[in-house]
Amino acid sequence: MNSAANHSINPKVVSVGTALPQYSVTQAEARALTRAIFSDPSRDLERLLRVFDNGHVKKRYLSAPLEWYYSNHTWSERNAIYVSTALELSERSIRIALERANLSPRDMDAIFYVSTTGLSTPSIDSLLMKRLDMKRHATRVPIWGLGCAGGASGLNRALDYARAYPGSRVLLVSCETSSLTFQANDPSRANLVSVSIFGDGCAAAVVSSHPDDTGFEALRGHSTLWDDTEDVMGWEVVDSGMKVTLSKSVPDVVQKYIRSDVELALRPLGLRIADLTHFVTHPGGEKVLSAFCDALGILSCKLEDARLILEAHGNMSSPTVLFALERLLLRQPASGEYGLLTAMGPGFSAEHLVFKT
């Protein structure tokens, strides 16, 4: 048995809404694009193209039509598409999340905006406030640079705000256009892996400490940054935009660190991994998910939501874990069950949220 207390003051995750761009690509189409761009008799391209078969991705959504990716583009071209796409997807996902929470934009006291694949000043959150006619005195917190961990980290920061200001309601938005960072002149393994797995998407969540709102109870957030792992994942800024840095060691990092880190997150609540019913995990890739199951000693079926999202949408970076959370919320699981939401990203880092349904 465990001794986790039920704290009435804990904020709740009330709802999640998601949105995808209009363009899509199958894995076969992405492979064909890569072969056409990088065909070179001097390179063993077919061997590198095996990454398209190993990730269990069938389809992804893109911020531009497929033909756009055959050419080189400037950073300003890429970023202009990022801004327009981010605004559209963010507004759509927010409206879905608010409708599911039976709330309006003017009910929101703060907005946290997470992204790593583009830049905007004024920030996207300020532009959204005008579009949605939110209260002009709502707190704005744009967060940049967290990569795949951003959805989980942003959710924890939004929950921290709701906890600090009892009765408040907070919007979290996590939006990425990873496909726009594809470099048509970069035949590196990292670039090929990126085009085989990454897609675009957006998610919004409503969190609240208002007594009238119901949802998953946020028990505890937990952040970790590991030393000497900076080269595992990130961006290299070049003249044509952001060029992906991606190491093959991500599954090894999961195997090495994740169990002890999860146990550390659970310990203050008197919980163990065996007490967890739900695992809401960022699907970084099939090898990462398998490493997560092995490290925690859980059955593969516990990560079925993450695998289904990876198959249908690929790795969308920061919002992907929120897509998994949306699926769990919509299933309306039995109350009183414990769950763990977790994601890893550049740093190399991890972010966890222990919650109760």
Protein backbone atom coordinates (compact mmCIF):
# COMPACT_ATOMS: atom_id res chain seq x y z
CA MET A 1 0.00 0.00 0.00
CA ASN A 2 1.05 3.62 -0.47
CA SER A 3 0.63 6.70 1.67
CA ALA A 4 0.07 9.42 -0.94
CA ALA A 5 -2.19 12.09 0.48
CA ASN A 6 -5.14 13.57 -1.32
CA HIS A 7 -4.50 17.30 -1.16
CA SER A 8 -7.61 19.31 -1.96
CA ILE A 9 -5.51 22.33 -2.94
CA ASN A 10 -3.79 20.52 -5.81
CA PRO A 11 -4.60 21.98 -9.24
CA LYS A 12 -6.21 19.86 -11.93
CA VAL A 13 -5.72 19.14 -15.61
CA VAL A 14 -9.23 19.85 -16.84
CA SER A 15 -9.04 19.26 -20.60
CA VAL A 16 -6.79 18.96 -23.64
CA GLY A 17 -7.44 19.89 -27.28
CA THR A 18 -5.25 19.09 -30.27
CA ALA A 19 -4.85 20.28 -33.86
CA LEU A 20 -2.89 19.21 -36.94
CA PRO A 21 -1.82 21.00 -40.15
CA GLN A 22 -3.68 20.36 -43.42
CA TYR A 23 -0.83 18.62 -45.25
CA SER A 24 0.16 15.02 -44.59
CA VAL A 25 2.82 12.56 -45.72
CA THR A 26 2.99 8.78 -45.58
CA GLN A 27 6.20 7.04 -44.64
CA ALA A 28 6.54 5.80 -48.23
CA GLU A 29 6.27 9.37 -49.53
CA ALA A 30 8.84 10.62 -47.02
CA ARG A 31 11.23 7.85 -48.03
CA ALA A 32 10.78 8.69 -51.72
CA LEU A 33 11.48 12.36 -51.01
CA THR A 34 14.66 11.49 -49.15
CA ARG A 35 15.88 9.12 -51.89
CA ALA A 36 15.22 11.74 -54.58
CA ILE A 37 17.03 14.53 -52.73
CA PHE A 38 20.02 12.61 -51.43
CA SER A 39 20.65 10.01 -54.17
CA ASP A 40 24.41 9.69 -54.58
CA PRO A 41 26.18 6.60 -55.95
CA SER A 42 29.09 7.21 -53.57
CA ARG A 43 26.91 6.84 -50.46
CA ASP A 44 25.15 3.79 -49.06
CA LEU A 45 21.81 5.58 -49.06
CA GLU A 46 19.69 2.43 -49.02
CA ARG A 47 21.27 1.39 -45.73
CA LEU A 48 20.48 4.79 -44.21
CA LEU A 49 16.91 4.63 -45.54
CA ARG A 50 16.22 1.67 -43.25
CA VAL A 51 15.38 4.21 -40.54
CA PHE A 52 12.06 4.69 -42.33
CA ASP A 53 11.18 1.05 -41.60
CA ASN A 54 12.29 0.93 -37.97
CA GLY A 55 10.30 3.75 -36.39
CA HIS A 56 6.75 2.34 -36.73
CA VAL A 57 5.56 5.67 -38.18
CA LYS A 58 2.92 5.41 -40.89
CA LYS A 59 1.80 9.01 -41.38
CA ARG A 60 2.64 12.53 -40.27
CA TYR A 61 1.29 16.05 -40.78
CA LEU A 62 3.29 18.91 -42.30
CA SER A 63 3.12 22.70 -42.28
CA ALA A 64 3.83 22.94 -46.02
CA PRO A 65 2.95 20.81 -49.08
CA LEU A 66 5.35 17.96 -49.81
CA GLU A 67 6.92 19.66 -52.83
CA TRP A 68 8.10 22.51 -50.59
CA TYR A 69 10.58 20.18 -48.90
CA TYR A 70 12.46 19.38 -52.13
CA SER A 71 14.07 22.84 -52.13
CA ASN A 72 16.35 24.82 -49.85
CA HIS A 73 14.77 27.70 -47.94
CA THR A 74 16.00 30.62 -45.90
CA TRP A 75 15.40 30.88 -42.21
CA SER A 76 13.02 33.81 -42.79
CA GLU A 77 10.93 31.70 -45.21
CA ARG A 78 10.72 28.86 -42.73
CA ASN A 79 9.90 31.13 -39.83
CA ALA A 80 7.10 32.91 -41.68
CA ILE A 81 5.36 29.57 -42.20
CA TYR A 82 6.03 28.69 -38.55
CA VAL A 83 4.26 31.84 -37.30
CA SER A 84 1.19 31.46 -39.52
CA THR A 85 0.89 27.74 -38.78
CA ALA A 86 1.43 28.17 -35.04
CA LEU A 87 -1.29 30.82 -34.85
CA GLU A 88 -3.80 28.70 -36.74
CA LEU A 89 -3.14 25.45 -34.89
CA SER A 90 -2.92 27.13 -31.48
CA GLU A 91 -6.27 28.85 -31.88
CA ARG A 92 -7.94 25.62 -33.00
CA SER A 93 -6.53 23.53 -30.17
CA ILE A 94 -7.35 26.20 -27.57
CA ARG A 95 -10.97 26.44 -28.67
CA ILE A 96 -11.34 22.65 -28.45
CA ALA A 97 -9.79 22.53 -24.96
CA LEU A 98 -11.98 25.40 -23.73
CA GLU A 99 -15.14 23.84 -25.17
CA ARG A 100 -14.37 20.56 -23.41
CA ALA A 101 -13.81 22.46 -20.16
CA ASN A 102 -17.01 24.48 -20.66
CA LEU A 103 -14.99 27.69 -20.30
CA SER A 104 -14.33 30.77 -22.42
CA PRO A 105 -11.09 32.60 -23.30
CA ARG A 106 -11.96 35.34 -20.82
CA ASP A 107 -12.02 32.79 -18.00
CA MET A 108 -8.26 32.31 -18.41
CA ASP A 109 -5.94 34.12 -16.00
CA ALA A 110 -2.67 33.14 -17.69
CA ILE A 111 -1.30 31.61 -20.87
CA PHE A 112 1.92 29.58 -21.11
CA TYR A 113 3.22 29.10 -24.66
CA VAL A 114 5.80 26.38 -25.39
CA SER A 115 7.67 26.02 -28.68
CA THR A 116 11.17 25.34 -30.01
CA THR A 117 10.83 25.30 -33.81
CA GLY A 118 10.37 29.00 -34.59
CA LEU A 119 10.55 32.52 -33.24
CA SER A 120 8.13 35.41 -32.95
CA THR A 121 8.27 38.84 -31.34
CA PRO A 122 5.61 39.86 -30.37
CA SER A 123 5.30 36.33 -29.01
CA ILE A 124 2.64 33.95 -30.30
CA ASP A 125 0.79 34.05 -26.97
CA SER A 126 0.27 37.81 -27.27
CA LEU A 127 -1.13 37.41 -30.78
CA LEU A 128 -3.45 34.66 -29.53
CA MET A 129 -4.75 36.87 -26.74
CA LYS A 130 -6.00 39.32 -29.35
CA ARG A 131 -7.46 36.64 -31.60
CA LEU A 132 -9.31 35.00 -28.72
CA ASP A 133 -10.20 38.26 -26.96
CA MET A 134 -8.66 37.10 -23.71
CA LYS A 135 -8.37 39.41 -20.72
CA ARG A 136 -5.59 41.88 -21.52
CA HIS A 137 -4.19 41.59 -17.99
CA ALA A 138 -3.75 37.83 -18.20
CA THR A 139 -0.21 36.69 -17.40
CA ARG A 140 1.84 35.63 -20.44
CA VAL A 141 4.75 33.19 -20.19
CA PRO A 142 6.41 32.20 -23.49
CA ILE A 143 8.84 29.26 -23.05
CA TRP A 144 11.43 28.35 -25.69
CA GLY A 145 14.12 25.68 -26.09
CA LEU A 146 12.74 22.65 -24.23
CA GLY A 147 12.23 20.49 -27.31
CA CYS A 148 10.49 17.16 -26.79
CA ALA A 149 10.28 17.76 -23.03
CA GLY A 150 8.40 21.02 -23.53
CA GLY A 151 4.83 19.71 -23.30
CA ALA A 152 5.46 18.06 -19.93
CA SER A 153 7.57 20.93 -18.62
CA GLY A 154 5.07 23.56 -19.78
CA LEU A 155 2.25 21.62 -18.16
CA ASN A 156 4.13 21.57 -14.86
CA ARG A 157 4.85 25.30 -15.04
CA ALA A 158 1.17 26.04 -15.75
CA LEU A 159 0.19 23.84 -12.81
CA ASP A 160 2.73 25.65 -10.62
CA TYR A 161 0.99 28.93 -11.48
CA ALA A 162 -2.46 27.52 -10.71
CA ARG A 163 -1.15 26.18 -7.40
CA ALA A 164 0.44 29.52 -6.51
CA TYR A 165 -2.74 31.46 -7.35
CA PRO A 166 -5.69 29.52 -5.88
CA GLY A 167 -8.85 29.83 -7.96
CA SER A 168 -6.96 30.60 -11.18
CA ARG A 169 -7.40 29.03 -14.60
CA VAL A 170 -4.46 28.67 -16.96
CA LEU A 171 -3.97 27.84 -20.62
CA LEU A 172 -0.98 25.84 -21.77
CA VAL A 173 -0.24 25.74 -25.50
CA SER A 174 2.49 23.58 -27.01
CA CYS A 175 3.07 23.92 -30.76
CA GLU A 176 5.86 22.67 -33.03
CA THR A 177 6.58 22.69 -36.76
CA SER A 178 9.55 20.33 -36.73
CA SER A 179 9.22 19.50 -40.43
CA LEU A 180 10.14 23.07 -41.37
CA THR A 181 13.65 22.50 -40.00
CA PHE A 182 14.39 19.83 -42.65
CA GLN A 183 17.56 20.73 -44.53
CA ALA A 184 17.48 19.64 -48.19
CA ASN A 185 21.27 20.05 -48.43
CA ASP A 186 22.17 17.97 -45.36
CA PRO A 187 22.65 14.22 -46.00
CA SER A 188 23.63 13.51 -42.39
CA ARG A 189 22.17 10.58 -40.47
CA ALA A 190 20.55 12.98 -37.99
CA ASN A 191 18.71 14.79 -40.79
CA LEU A 192 17.51 11.51 -42.30
CA VAL A 193 16.31 10.21 -38.94
CA SER A 194 14.54 13.53 -38.42
CA VAL A 195 12.64 13.34 -41.71
CA SER A 196 11.69 9.72 -40.94
CA ILE A 197 10.04 10.42 -37.60
CA PHE A 198 9.18 14.08 -36.95
CA GLY A 199 5.86 15.73 -37.75
CA ASP A 200 4.00 18.92 -36.84
CA GLY A 201 1.19 19.47 -34.38
CA CYS A 202 -0.25 21.49 -31.54
CA ALA A 203 -1.96 20.83 -28.22
CA ALA A 204 -3.62 23.07 -25.63
CA ALA A 205 -4.51 22.20 -22.06
CA VAL A 206 -6.69 23.91 -19.47
CA VAL A 207 -5.40 23.59 -15.90
CA SER A 208 -7.17 25.03 -12.91
CA SER A 209 -7.26 25.45 -9.17
CA HIS A 210 -10.80 26.83 -9.35
CA PRO A 211 -13.11 24.86 -7.02
CA ASP A 212 -15.77 24.44 -9.73
CA ASP A 213 -13.44 22.62 -12.15
CA THR A 214 -12.79 18.88 -12.29
CA GLY A 215 -10.07 16.79 -13.87
CA PHE A 216 -6.90 14.85 -13.17
CA GLU A 217 -5.33 15.98 -9.90
CA ALA A 218 -1.70 17.09 -10.24
CA LEU A 219 0.16 15.64 -7.26
CA ARG A 220 3.76 16.53 -8.00
CA GLY A 221 6.04 17.72 -10.80
CA HIS A 222 9.68 16.69 -11.08
CA SER A 223 12.47 18.12 -13.28
CA THR A 224 15.92 16.68 -13.98
CA LEU A 225 18.95 17.87 -15.97
CA TRP A 226 21.84 15.44 -16.47
CA ASP A 227 25.42 16.66 -16.79
CA ASP A 228 27.58 15.96 -19.85
CA THR A 229 24.65 15.06 -22.10
CA GLU A 230 24.35 18.28 -24.10
CA ASP A 231 25.20 16.57 -27.39
CA VAL A 232 22.31 14.08 -27.21
CA MET A 233 19.71 16.37 -28.81
CA GLY A 234 19.29 19.96 -29.94
CA TRP A 235 19.65 22.48 -32.76
CA GLU A 236 22.67 23.80 -34.59
CA VAL A 237 21.79 27.26 -35.87
CA VAL A 238 22.93 27.67 -39.50
CA ASP A 239 22.19 30.27 -42.17
CA SER A 240 19.24 28.26 -43.49
CA GLY A 241 17.66 27.82 -40.08
CA MET A 242 17.83 25.21 -37.34
CA LYS A 243 19.69 21.99 -38.13
CA VAL A 244 18.90 18.99 -35.95
CA THR A 245 21.42 17.39 -33.62
CA LEU A 246 20.35 13.89 -32.66
CA SER A 247 22.42 11.16 -31.07
CA LYS A 248 21.86 7.41 -31.33
CA SER A 249 22.31 7.24 -27.56
CA VAL A 250 18.80 8.41 -26.55
CA PRO A 251 17.53 4.86 -25.75
CA ASP A 252 20.75 4.24 -23.78
CA VAL A 253 20.13 7.41 -21.74
CA VAL A 254 16.61 6.20 -20.99
CA GLN A 255 17.90 2.81 -19.89
CA LYS A 256 20.56 4.38 -17.68
CA TYR A 257 18.64 7.16 -15.94
CA ILE A 258 14.88 6.91 -16.19
CA ARG A 259 14.04 4.34 -13.49
CA SER A 260 15.96 6.06 -10.70
CA ASP A 261 14.56 9.42 -11.82
CA VAL A 262 10.96 8.19 -11.77
CA GLU A 263 11.50 6.61 -8.35
CA LEU A 264 12.84 9.94 -7.11
CA ALA A 265 9.73 11.70 -8.43
CA LEU A 266 7.43 9.23 -6.68
CA ARG A 267 9.22 8.96 -3.35
CA PRO A 268 7.88 12.15 -1.66
CA LEU A 269 4.35 10.89 -2.33
CA GLY A 270 5.02 7.47 -0.85
CA LEU A 271 4.40 5.87 -4.24
CA ARG A 272 6.22 3.18 -6.17
CA ILE A 273 6.23 2.36 -9.88
CA ALA A 274 3.99 -0.62 -9.10
CA ASP A 275 1.34 1.82 -7.78
CA LEU A 276 0.99 3.50 -11.18
CA THR A 277 -1.90 2.51 -13.44
CA HIS A 278 -1.40 5.02 -16.25
CA PHE A 279 1.75 5.97 -18.18
CA VAL A 280 1.42 9.05 -20.42
CA THR A 281 4.70 9.04 -22.28
CA HIS A 282 6.26 11.11 -25.04
CA PRO A 283 6.85 8.70 -27.96
CA GLY A 284 10.35 9.74 -28.97
CA GLY A 285 10.54 6.65 -31.17
CA GLU A 286 9.96 2.90 -30.96
CA LYS A 287 13.41 2.21 -29.48
CA VAL A 288 12.86 4.90 -26.84
CA LEU A 289 9.47 3.45 -25.87
CA SER A 290 10.93 -0.05 -25.63
CA ALA A 291 13.77 1.26 -23.46
CA PHE A 292 11.22 2.99 -21.21
CA CYS A 293 9.28 -0.27 -20.72
CA ASP A 294 12.45 -2.23 -20.03
CA ALA A 295 13.81 0.33 -17.57
CA LEU A 296 10.59 0.58 -15.56
CA GLY A 297 9.68 -3.08 -15.84
CA ILE A 298 6.24 -2.40 -17.32
CA LEU A 299 4.35 -4.17 -20.08
CA SER A 300 4.45 -2.73 -23.59
CA CYS A 301 0.65 -2.38 -23.57
CA LYS A 302 0.98 0.32 -20.89
CA LEU A 303 2.32 2.62 -23.64
CA GLU A 304 -0.31 1.79 -26.26
CA ASP A 305 -1.49 5.40 -26.54
CA ALA A 306 2.05 6.63 -27.19
CA ARG A 307 2.59 3.98 -29.87
CA LEU A 308 -0.70 4.78 -31.63
CA ILE A 309 0.20 8.48 -31.72
CA LEU A 310 3.68 7.70 -33.04
CA GLU A 311 2.12 5.58 -35.78
CA ALA A 312 -0.47 8.16 -36.84
CA HIS A 313 1.37 11.44 -36.24
CA GLY A 314 5.05 10.70 -35.69
CA ASN A 315 7.07 12.54 -33.07
CA MET A 316 5.67 16.09 -32.94
CA SER A 317 8.18 17.14 -30.28
CA SER A 318 6.70 19.03 -27.31
CA PRO A 319 2.92 18.57 -27.90
CA THR A 320 3.14 14.81 -28.48
CA VAL A 321 2.83 13.84 -24.80
CA LEU A 322 -0.26 16.05 -24.56
CA PHE A 323 -1.83 14.11 -27.46
CA ALA A 324 -1.40 11.01 -25.30
CA LEU A 325 -2.89 12.82 -22.30
CA GLU A 326 -5.89 13.83 -24.40
CA ARG A 327 -6.60 10.17 -25.20
CA LEU A 328 -6.54 9.25 -21.52
CA LEU A 329 -8.77 12.15 -20.49
CA LEU A 330 -11.34 11.30 -23.15
CA ARG A 331 -11.49 7.68 -21.94
CA GLN A 332 -12.56 8.94 -18.50
CA PRO A 333 -10.70 6.32 -16.44
CA ALA A 334 -11.85 5.32 -12.98
CA SER A 335 -11.19 7.94 -10.33
CA GLY A 336 -8.48 7.46 -7.74
CA GLU A 337 -5.89 5.81 -10.00
CA TYR A 338 -2.30 7.06 -10.12
CA GLY A 339 -0.51 8.00 -13.31
CA LEU A 340 2.80 9.34 -14.58
CA LEU A 341 3.23 11.80 -17.43
CA THR A 342 6.81 11.96 -18.68
CA ALA A 343 8.95 13.36 -21.48
CA MET A 344 12.65 13.80 -22.18
CA GLY A 345 14.37 16.48 -24.23
CA PRO A 346 17.45 18.60 -24.90
CA GLY A 347 19.73 19.24 -22.00
CA PHE A 348 19.57 16.21 -21.76
CA SER A 349 16.62 16.44 -19.41
CA ALA A 350 13.44 14.82 -18.15
CA GLU A 351 10.15 16.18 -16.87
CA HIS A 352 7.58 14.15 -14.94
CA LEU A 353 4.11 14.80 -13.55
CA VAL A 354 2.54 12.43 -11.04
CA PHE A 355 -1.24 12.69 -11.19
CA LYS A 356 -4.39 11.08 -9.87
CA THR A 357 -7.47 10.42 -12.00
